[in-house]
Amino acid sequence: MIVRRERPADSVAVDAVHRAAFPTHVEARLVGELRRDAGFLPHLSLVAVDGGEVIGHVIATRGRVQPAGAPALGIGPVGVRPDRQRAGVGTVLVHALLAVAEAAGERLAVLLGSPDYYRRFGFLPAADLGIGSPDPAWGVHFQARALADAAPRGTFRYAAPFDRL
């Protein structure tokens, strides 16, 4: 398996991964909208490829921490083909994404997901880092990881397509 930057020719396979990985097609639609949004960061849309087939995908897009509007990353969705789940593909994708983000000088990443799963990547409840959630009902499922010593604090706002979910 290799992890590399998503290419335009991968879009159909990435869509198929998300449609297979999630019970609704919301995530697949969201990825398509994120690619067309001003918050799209092509270097932070990665695929896992095995045997020439895309088996997983992760994306991070530009978000902002208010009130100052400091840049931050919103991670997700992360999708892995069902026949390849629980084999470490998602773990490799998230580690690769975080490494690219840190190398690119990003200061903060947030996501909505399972605390038990994302703790292994250094994510904490966002409130512990002074990051407010777009929806307080998300509680400890809204998580953050500082990627630099001077990570911003405030309320996080995802890229615009997330507002249309």
N, C-alpha and C. Protein backbone atom coordinates (compact mmCIF):
# COMPACT_ATOMS: atom_id res chain seq x y z
N MET A 1 0.85 -1.18 0.00
CA MET A 1 0.00 0.00 0.00
C MET A 1 0.88 1.23 0.00
N ILE A 2 0.49 2.22 -0.81
CA ILE A 2 1.16 3.52 -0.78
C ILE A 2 0.13 4.60 -0.48
N VAL A 3 0.59 5.69 0.08
CA VAL A 3 -0.25 6.87 0.29
C VAL A 3 0.35 7.98 -0.55
N ARG A 4 -0.52 8.63 -1.30
CA ARG A 4 -0.07 9.73 -2.15
C ARG A 4 -1.17 10.78 -2.24
N ARG A 5 -0.79 11.90 -2.82
CA ARG A 5 -1.76 12.97 -3.04
C ARG A 5 -2.83 12.50 -4.03
N GLU A 6 -4.06 12.87 -3.78
CA GLU A 6 -5.15 12.55 -4.70
C GLU A 6 -4.91 13.26 -6.03
N ARG A 7 -5.22 12.55 -7.11
CA ARG A 7 -5.12 13.11 -8.46
C ARG A 7 -6.53 13.26 -9.03
N PRO A 8 -6.72 14.16 -10.00
CA PRO A 8 -8.07 14.31 -10.60
C PRO A 8 -8.64 12.99 -11.10
N ALA A 9 -7.82 12.11 -11.63
CA ALA A 9 -8.30 10.82 -12.13
C ALA A 9 -8.80 9.90 -11.02
N ASP A 10 -8.52 10.23 -9.76
CA ASP A 10 -8.95 9.41 -8.62
C ASP A 10 -10.36 9.73 -8.15
N SER A 11 -10.97 10.78 -8.68
CA SER A 11 -12.23 11.28 -8.08
C SER A 11 -13.35 10.23 -8.07
N VAL A 12 -13.48 9.45 -9.14
CA VAL A 12 -14.54 8.43 -9.17
C VAL A 12 -14.27 7.36 -8.13
N ALA A 13 -13.02 6.93 -8.01
CA ALA A 13 -12.67 5.90 -7.02
C ALA A 13 -12.83 6.42 -5.60
N VAL A 14 -12.47 7.68 -5.37
CA VAL A 14 -12.63 8.27 -4.03
C VAL A 14 -14.11 8.34 -3.68
N ASP A 15 -14.94 8.75 -4.64
CA ASP A 15 -16.38 8.80 -4.42
C ASP A 15 -16.90 7.40 -4.06
N ALA A 16 -16.44 6.38 -4.76
CA ALA A 16 -16.87 5.00 -4.49
C ALA A 16 -16.44 4.55 -3.10
N VAL A 17 -15.24 4.95 -2.67
CA VAL A 17 -14.77 4.60 -1.32
C VAL A 17 -15.72 5.16 -0.28
N HIS A 18 -16.05 6.45 -0.39
CA HIS A 18 -16.92 7.07 0.62
C HIS A 18 -18.35 6.54 0.56
N ARG A 19 -18.83 6.24 -0.62
CA ARG A 19 -20.19 5.66 -0.74
C ARG A 19 -20.25 4.27 -0.10
N ALA A 20 -19.17 3.52 -0.24
CA ALA A 20 -19.13 2.18 0.36
C ALA A 20 -18.88 2.23 1.86
N ALA A 21 -18.11 3.21 2.31
CA ALA A 21 -17.69 3.27 3.71
C ALA A 21 -18.76 3.81 4.66
N PHE A 22 -19.69 4.61 4.13
CA PHE A 22 -20.67 5.27 4.99
C PHE A 22 -22.09 4.88 4.59
N PRO A 23 -23.01 4.79 5.56
CA PRO A 23 -24.37 4.34 5.26
C PRO A 23 -25.18 5.33 4.43
N THR A 24 -24.79 6.61 4.45
CA THR A 24 -25.46 7.60 3.59
C THR A 24 -24.43 8.09 2.59
N HIS A 25 -24.86 8.87 1.64
CA HIS A 25 -23.93 9.40 0.65
C HIS A 25 -23.49 10.82 0.99
N VAL A 26 -23.73 11.25 2.21
CA VAL A 26 -23.39 12.61 2.64
C VAL A 26 -21.89 12.85 2.51
N GLU A 27 -21.08 11.91 2.95
CA GLU A 27 -19.63 12.10 2.93
C GLU A 27 -19.10 12.20 1.50
N ALA A 28 -19.60 11.36 0.61
CA ALA A 28 -19.16 11.42 -0.79
C ALA A 28 -19.52 12.76 -1.41
N ARG A 29 -20.72 13.22 -1.15
CA ARG A 29 -21.15 14.54 -1.66
C ARG A 29 -20.30 15.64 -1.07
N LEU A 30 -20.02 15.55 0.23
CA LEU A 30 -19.21 16.56 0.90
C LEU A 30 -17.82 16.65 0.29
N VAL A 31 -17.17 15.52 0.02
CA VAL A 31 -15.83 15.55 -0.58
C VAL A 31 -15.87 16.28 -1.92
N GLY A 32 -16.88 16.00 -2.74
CA GLY A 32 -17.01 16.69 -4.02
C GLY A 32 -17.16 18.19 -3.85
N GLU A 33 -17.96 18.60 -2.88
CA GLU A 33 -18.15 20.04 -2.63
C GLU A 33 -16.88 20.67 -2.07
N LEU A 34 -16.17 19.94 -1.22
CA LEU A 34 -14.93 20.48 -0.66
C LEU A 34 -13.89 20.72 -1.75
N ARG A 35 -13.83 19.83 -2.73
CA ARG A 35 -12.86 20.01 -3.83
C ARG A 35 -13.12 21.30 -4.61
N ARG A 36 -14.36 21.77 -4.64
CA ARG A 36 -14.72 22.97 -5.39
C ARG A 36 -14.70 24.23 -4.52
N ASP A 37 -14.43 24.08 -3.24
CA ASP A 37 -14.49 25.20 -2.30
C ASP A 37 -13.14 25.92 -2.21
N ALA A 38 -13.19 27.19 -1.83
CA ALA A 38 -11.97 27.97 -1.64
C ALA A 38 -11.08 27.39 -0.53
N GLY A 39 -11.67 26.62 0.37
CA GLY A 39 -10.91 26.01 1.46
C GLY A 39 -10.18 24.73 1.08
N PHE A 40 -10.31 24.29 -0.17
CA PHE A 40 -9.66 23.06 -0.63
C PHE A 40 -8.15 23.24 -0.66
N LEU A 41 -7.45 22.28 -0.09
CA LEU A 41 -5.98 22.28 -0.06
C LEU A 41 -5.54 20.98 -0.73
N PRO A 42 -5.21 21.01 -2.02
CA PRO A 42 -4.92 19.78 -2.76
C PRO A 42 -3.85 18.90 -2.12
N HIS A 43 -2.87 19.51 -1.47
CA HIS A 43 -1.81 18.70 -0.84
C HIS A 43 -2.30 17.96 0.40
N LEU A 44 -3.52 18.26 0.85
CA LEU A 44 -4.08 17.59 2.01
C LEU A 44 -5.31 16.75 1.66
N SER A 45 -5.32 16.23 0.44
CA SER A 45 -6.31 15.25 0.01
C SER A 45 -5.50 14.04 -0.44
N LEU A 46 -5.47 13.01 0.39
CA LEU A 46 -4.60 11.86 0.19
C LEU A 46 -5.39 10.58 -0.05
N VAL A 47 -4.82 9.71 -0.86
CA VAL A 47 -5.43 8.40 -1.10
C VAL A 47 -4.45 7.30 -0.70
N ALA A 48 -5.02 6.18 -0.27
CA ALA A 48 -4.26 4.95 -0.06
C ALA A 48 -4.55 4.08 -1.28
N VAL A 49 -3.49 3.58 -1.90
CA VAL A 49 -3.61 2.78 -3.11
C VAL A 49 -2.93 1.44 -2.88
N ASP A 50 -3.62 0.37 -3.25
CA ASP A 50 -3.04 -0.97 -3.14
C ASP A 50 -3.41 -1.74 -4.41
N GLY A 51 -2.42 -2.32 -5.04
CA GLY A 51 -2.68 -3.06 -6.26
C GLY A 51 -3.28 -2.20 -7.35
N GLY A 52 -2.96 -0.91 -7.35
CA GLY A 52 -3.49 0.00 -8.36
C GLY A 52 -4.89 0.50 -8.08
N GLU A 53 -5.48 0.09 -6.96
CA GLU A 53 -6.84 0.52 -6.60
C GLU A 53 -6.83 1.45 -5.40
N VAL A 54 -7.67 2.49 -5.45
CA VAL A 54 -7.85 3.39 -4.32
C VAL A 54 -8.68 2.65 -3.28
N ILE A 55 -8.11 2.50 -2.08
CA ILE A 55 -8.82 1.77 -1.02
C ILE A 55 -9.17 2.66 0.16
N GLY A 56 -8.66 3.91 0.17
CA GLY A 56 -8.96 4.82 1.26
C GLY A 56 -8.67 6.25 0.86
N HIS A 57 -9.28 7.18 1.59
CA HIS A 57 -9.12 8.61 1.30
C HIS A 57 -9.29 9.41 2.58
N VAL A 58 -8.51 10.49 2.69
CA VAL A 58 -8.65 11.45 3.78
C VAL A 58 -8.46 12.84 3.20
N ILE A 59 -9.16 13.81 3.76
CA ILE A 59 -9.06 15.18 3.30
C ILE A 59 -9.07 16.12 4.50
N ALA A 60 -8.31 17.19 4.37
CA ALA A 60 -8.36 18.29 5.33
C ALA A 60 -8.53 19.57 4.54
N THR A 61 -9.38 20.44 5.02
CA THR A 61 -9.65 21.70 4.34
C THR A 61 -9.44 22.87 5.29
N ARG A 62 -9.32 24.04 4.70
CA ARG A 62 -9.07 25.24 5.48
C ARG A 62 -10.30 25.66 6.26
N GLY A 63 -10.10 25.77 7.55
CA GLY A 63 -11.10 26.34 8.43
C GLY A 63 -10.49 27.55 9.10
N ARG A 64 -11.24 28.16 9.98
CA ARG A 64 -10.77 29.37 10.68
C ARG A 64 -11.15 29.29 12.16
N VAL A 65 -10.27 29.85 12.98
CA VAL A 65 -10.56 29.98 14.40
C VAL A 65 -10.91 31.44 14.64
N GLN A 66 -12.11 31.66 15.12
CA GLN A 66 -12.62 33.01 15.37
C GLN A 66 -12.41 33.38 16.84
N PRO A 67 -12.22 34.62 17.19
CA PRO A 67 -12.61 35.78 16.40
C PRO A 67 -11.51 36.29 15.45
N ALA A 68 -10.28 35.85 15.59
CA ALA A 68 -9.19 36.44 14.80
C ALA A 68 -9.13 35.92 13.37
N GLY A 69 -9.81 34.82 13.07
CA GLY A 69 -9.77 34.25 11.73
C GLY A 69 -8.48 33.49 11.44
N ALA A 70 -7.83 33.01 12.49
CA ALA A 70 -6.58 32.27 12.32
C ALA A 70 -6.82 30.99 11.53
N PRO A 71 -5.94 30.66 10.59
CA PRO A 71 -6.14 29.44 9.81
C PRO A 71 -5.96 28.18 10.65
N ALA A 72 -6.76 27.19 10.34
CA ALA A 72 -6.68 25.88 10.99
C ALA A 72 -7.24 24.87 9.99
N LEU A 73 -7.04 23.60 10.28
CA LEU A 73 -7.51 22.54 9.40
C LEU A 73 -8.70 21.81 9.99
N GLY A 74 -9.67 21.52 9.14
CA GLY A 74 -10.77 20.63 9.50
C GLY A 74 -10.54 19.32 8.77
N ILE A 75 -10.34 18.26 9.51
CA ILE A 75 -10.08 16.95 8.91
C ILE A 75 -11.38 16.19 8.73
N GLY A 76 -11.53 15.60 7.56
CA GLY A 76 -12.65 14.72 7.32
C GLY A 76 -13.38 15.09 6.06
N PRO A 77 -14.05 14.10 5.51
CA PRO A 77 -14.14 12.74 6.01
C PRO A 77 -12.90 11.88 5.74
N VAL A 78 -12.82 10.81 6.52
CA VAL A 78 -11.82 9.76 6.35
C VAL A 78 -12.62 8.51 5.96
N GLY A 79 -12.31 7.95 4.81
CA GLY A 79 -13.06 6.78 4.37
C GLY A 79 -12.13 5.66 3.91
N VAL A 80 -12.51 4.43 4.24
CA VAL A 80 -11.77 3.24 3.81
C VAL A 80 -12.79 2.23 3.29
N ARG A 81 -12.46 1.62 2.16
CA ARG A 81 -13.34 0.59 1.61
C ARG A 81 -13.65 -0.46 2.67
N PRO A 82 -14.89 -0.89 2.79
CA PRO A 82 -15.26 -1.85 3.83
C PRO A 82 -14.41 -3.12 3.85
N ASP A 83 -14.01 -3.62 2.69
CA ASP A 83 -13.21 -4.84 2.67
C ASP A 83 -11.77 -4.62 3.12
N ARG A 84 -11.39 -3.36 3.36
CA ARG A 84 -10.04 -3.05 3.82
C ARG A 84 -10.04 -2.37 5.19
N GLN A 85 -11.20 -2.24 5.80
CA GLN A 85 -11.28 -1.64 7.13
C GLN A 85 -10.68 -2.57 8.18
N ARG A 86 -10.24 -1.98 9.27
CA ARG A 86 -9.63 -2.69 10.40
C ARG A 86 -8.32 -3.37 10.02
N ALA A 87 -7.65 -2.79 9.01
CA ALA A 87 -6.35 -3.31 8.58
C ALA A 87 -5.27 -2.23 8.64
N GLY A 88 -5.59 -1.09 9.26
CA GLY A 88 -4.60 -0.03 9.45
C GLY A 88 -4.58 1.03 8.35
N VAL A 89 -5.45 0.92 7.36
CA VAL A 89 -5.45 1.89 6.25
C VAL A 89 -5.79 3.29 6.76
N GLY A 90 -6.84 3.41 7.56
CA GLY A 90 -7.23 4.71 8.11
C GLY A 90 -6.13 5.30 8.98
N THR A 91 -5.50 4.47 9.78
CA THR A 91 -4.40 4.93 10.64
C THR A 91 -3.27 5.50 9.81
N VAL A 92 -2.88 4.79 8.76
CA VAL A 92 -1.80 5.27 7.89
C VAL A 92 -2.20 6.59 7.22
N LEU A 93 -3.43 6.68 6.75
CA LEU A 93 -3.88 7.91 6.10
C LEU A 93 -3.84 9.11 7.04
N VAL A 94 -4.33 8.94 8.26
CA VAL A 94 -4.36 10.06 9.21
C VAL A 94 -2.93 10.45 9.60
N HIS A 95 -2.06 9.48 9.86
CA HIS A 95 -0.66 9.81 10.17
C HIS A 95 -0.02 10.58 9.02
N ALA A 96 -0.25 10.13 7.78
CA ALA A 96 0.33 10.81 6.62
C ALA A 96 -0.20 12.23 6.49
N LEU A 97 -1.50 12.40 6.69
CA LEU A 97 -2.11 13.73 6.60
C LEU A 97 -1.51 14.67 7.63
N LEU A 98 -1.39 14.20 8.85
CA LEU A 98 -0.82 15.05 9.91
C LEU A 98 0.63 15.40 9.62
N ALA A 99 1.39 14.46 9.07
CA ALA A 99 2.79 14.73 8.73
C ALA A 99 2.89 15.80 7.64
N VAL A 100 2.06 15.69 6.61
CA VAL A 100 2.06 16.69 5.55
C VAL A 100 1.64 18.05 6.11
N ALA A 101 0.62 18.06 6.95
CA ALA A 101 0.14 19.32 7.54
C ALA A 101 1.22 19.99 8.37
N GLU A 102 1.90 19.23 9.21
CA GLU A 102 2.98 19.80 10.02
C GLU A 102 4.10 20.33 9.14
N ALA A 103 4.48 19.55 8.11
CA ALA A 103 5.55 19.98 7.21
C ALA A 103 5.17 21.26 6.46
N ALA A 104 3.87 21.46 6.23
CA ALA A 104 3.39 22.65 5.52
C ALA A 104 3.23 23.85 6.46
N GLY A 105 3.52 23.66 7.75
CA GLY A 105 3.46 24.77 8.68
C GLY A 105 2.10 25.03 9.30
N GLU A 106 1.19 24.08 9.19
CA GLU A 106 -0.13 24.24 9.82
C GLU A 106 0.03 24.23 11.33
N ARG A 107 -0.85 24.94 12.03
CA ARG A 107 -0.73 25.09 13.48
C ARG A 107 -1.76 24.30 14.29
N LEU A 108 -2.90 23.96 13.66
CA LEU A 108 -3.98 23.32 14.40
C LEU A 108 -4.83 22.48 13.45
N ALA A 109 -5.24 21.30 13.92
CA ALA A 109 -6.17 20.45 13.18
C ALA A 109 -7.30 20.05 14.11
N VAL A 110 -8.51 20.04 13.58
CA VAL A 110 -9.68 19.62 14.36
C VAL A 110 -10.44 18.58 13.57
N LEU A 111 -11.28 17.82 14.28
CA LEU A 111 -12.13 16.83 13.63
C LEU A 111 -13.27 16.45 14.55
N LEU A 112 -14.25 15.81 13.97
CA LEU A 112 -15.38 15.27 14.71
C LEU A 112 -15.30 13.76 14.56
N GLY A 113 -15.14 13.05 15.68
CA GLY A 113 -15.01 11.60 15.59
C GLY A 113 -14.89 10.96 16.95
N SER A 114 -14.58 9.68 16.94
CA SER A 114 -14.48 8.89 18.16
C SER A 114 -13.23 9.24 18.96
N PRO A 115 -13.39 9.68 20.20
CA PRO A 115 -12.22 9.96 21.03
C PRO A 115 -11.33 8.73 21.20
N ASP A 116 -11.92 7.55 21.32
CA ASP A 116 -11.13 6.33 21.48
C ASP A 116 -10.23 6.09 20.28
N TYR A 117 -10.72 6.39 19.08
CA TYR A 117 -9.93 6.16 17.87
C TYR A 117 -8.88 7.26 17.68
N TYR A 118 -9.27 8.50 17.78
CA TYR A 118 -8.37 9.61 17.42
C TYR A 118 -7.37 9.98 18.50
N ARG A 119 -7.54 9.48 19.70
CA ARG A 119 -6.57 9.73 20.78
C ARG A 119 -5.17 9.25 20.36
N ARG A 120 -5.10 8.15 19.60
CA ARG A 120 -3.80 7.59 19.18
C ARG A 120 -2.99 8.54 18.32
N PHE A 121 -3.66 9.55 17.73
CA PHE A 121 -2.99 10.53 16.88
C PHE A 121 -2.68 11.82 17.63
N GLY A 122 -2.95 11.83 18.92
CA GLY A 122 -2.68 13.02 19.72
C GLY A 122 -3.83 14.00 19.82
N PHE A 123 -5.03 13.59 19.38
CA PHE A 123 -6.18 14.47 19.49
C PHE A 123 -6.75 14.43 20.91
N LEU A 124 -7.21 15.58 21.35
CA LEU A 124 -7.83 15.76 22.66
C LEU A 124 -9.18 16.45 22.48
N PRO A 125 -10.04 16.40 23.49
CA PRO A 125 -11.25 17.21 23.38
C PRO A 125 -10.83 18.65 23.07
N ALA A 126 -11.43 19.25 22.04
CA ALA A 126 -11.01 20.57 21.57
C ALA A 126 -11.06 21.61 22.69
N ALA A 127 -12.02 21.49 23.57
CA ALA A 127 -12.14 22.46 24.67
C ALA A 127 -10.88 22.47 25.53
N ASP A 128 -10.20 21.32 25.65
CA ASP A 128 -8.97 21.26 26.43
C ASP A 128 -7.87 22.13 25.84
N LEU A 129 -7.97 22.44 24.55
CA LEU A 129 -6.98 23.29 23.88
C LEU A 129 -7.50 24.70 23.64
N GLY A 130 -8.66 25.01 24.23
CA GLY A 130 -9.23 26.34 24.07
C GLY A 130 -9.93 26.55 22.74
N ILE A 131 -10.40 25.46 22.13
CA ILE A 131 -11.07 25.53 20.84
C ILE A 131 -12.55 25.23 21.04
N GLY A 132 -13.39 26.17 20.66
CA GLY A 132 -14.82 25.99 20.75
C GLY A 132 -15.37 25.28 19.52
N SER A 133 -16.40 24.51 19.72
CA SER A 133 -17.03 23.72 18.66
C SER A 133 -18.08 24.53 17.92
N PRO A 134 -18.24 24.28 16.62
CA PRO A 134 -19.35 24.90 15.90
C PRO A 134 -20.71 24.48 16.46
N ASP A 135 -20.76 23.32 17.11
CA ASP A 135 -22.00 22.81 17.70
C ASP A 135 -21.67 22.23 19.07
N PRO A 136 -22.05 22.92 20.14
CA PRO A 136 -21.72 22.44 21.49
C PRO A 136 -22.22 21.03 21.79
N ALA A 137 -23.23 20.55 21.07
CA ALA A 137 -23.75 19.21 21.30
C ALA A 137 -22.73 18.13 20.95
N TRP A 138 -21.71 18.46 20.17
CA TRP A 138 -20.70 17.48 19.78
C TRP A 138 -19.84 17.05 20.96
N GLY A 139 -19.74 17.88 21.98
CA GLY A 139 -19.01 17.53 23.20
C GLY A 139 -17.60 17.04 22.93
N VAL A 140 -17.22 15.93 23.57
CA VAL A 140 -15.85 15.39 23.48
C VAL A 140 -15.55 14.79 22.11
N HIS A 141 -16.57 14.65 21.26
CA HIS A 141 -16.34 14.12 19.91
C HIS A 141 -15.70 15.16 18.99
N PHE A 142 -15.80 16.43 19.38
CA PHE A 142 -15.10 17.48 18.64
C PHE A 142 -13.72 17.60 19.26
N GLN A 143 -12.70 17.27 18.47
CA GLN A 143 -11.35 17.13 18.99
C GLN A 143 -10.37 18.00 18.23
N ALA A 144 -9.24 18.27 18.86
CA ALA A 144 -8.21 19.11 18.24
C ALA A 144 -6.83 18.57 18.57
N ARG A 145 -5.91 18.91 17.69
CA ARG A 145 -4.49 18.61 17.94
C ARG A 145 -3.69 19.82 17.51
N ALA A 146 -2.88 20.33 18.43
CA ALA A 146 -1.95 21.41 18.11
C ALA A 146 -0.83 20.83 17.26
N LEU A 147 -0.51 21.49 16.16
CA LEU A 147 0.57 21.07 15.28
C LEU A 147 1.80 21.97 15.42
N ALA A 148 1.67 22.98 16.27
CA ALA A 148 2.76 23.92 16.52
C ALA A 148 2.62 24.43 17.95
N ASP A 149 3.66 25.05 18.45
CA ASP A 149 3.64 25.56 19.82
C ASP A 149 2.60 26.66 20.02
N ALA A 150 2.37 27.46 19.02
CA ALA A 150 1.46 28.60 19.17
C ALA A 150 0.17 28.37 18.38
N ALA A 151 -0.57 27.35 18.76
CA ALA A 151 -1.84 27.06 18.10
C ALA A 151 -2.88 28.11 18.50
N PRO A 152 -3.74 28.51 17.57
CA PRO A 152 -4.75 29.52 17.89
C PRO A 152 -5.80 28.99 18.86
N ARG A 153 -6.51 29.91 19.49
CA ARG A 153 -7.61 29.58 20.39
C ARG A 153 -8.83 30.38 19.98
N GLY A 154 -10.00 29.80 20.18
CA GLY A 154 -11.24 30.46 19.81
C GLY A 154 -12.22 29.42 19.30
N THR A 155 -13.23 29.85 18.58
CA THR A 155 -14.25 28.95 18.05
C THR A 155 -13.91 28.58 16.61
N PHE A 156 -13.88 27.28 16.34
CA PHE A 156 -13.53 26.80 15.01
C PHE A 156 -14.71 26.89 14.06
N ARG A 157 -14.40 27.23 12.81
CA ARG A 157 -15.42 27.28 11.74
C ARG A 157 -14.87 26.48 10.56
N TYR A 158 -15.61 25.43 10.16
CA TYR A 158 -15.23 24.60 9.03
C TYR A 158 -15.38 25.36 7.71
N ALA A 159 -14.82 24.78 6.63
CA ALA A 159 -15.03 25.28 5.27
C ALA A 159 -16.53 25.30 4.98
N ALA A 160 -16.96 26.18 4.11
CA ALA A 160 -18.38 26.43 3.84
C ALA A 160 -19.20 25.18 3.53
N PRO A 161 -18.72 24.19 2.78
CA PRO A 161 -19.58 23.03 2.49
C PRO A 161 -20.08 22.30 3.75
N PHE A 162 -19.35 22.38 4.84
CA PHE A 162 -19.83 21.74 6.06
C PHE A 162 -21.09 22.40 6.58
N ASP A 163 -21.27 23.69 6.31
CA ASP A 163 -22.47 24.40 6.76
C ASP A 163 -23.72 23.92 6.06
N ARG A 164 -23.56 23.25 4.92
CA ARG A 164 -24.71 22.80 4.14
C ARG A 164 -25.10 21.35 4.42
N LEU A 165 -24.46 20.74 5.41
CA LEU A 165 -24.79 19.34 5.73
C LEU A 165 -26.15 19.24 6.41
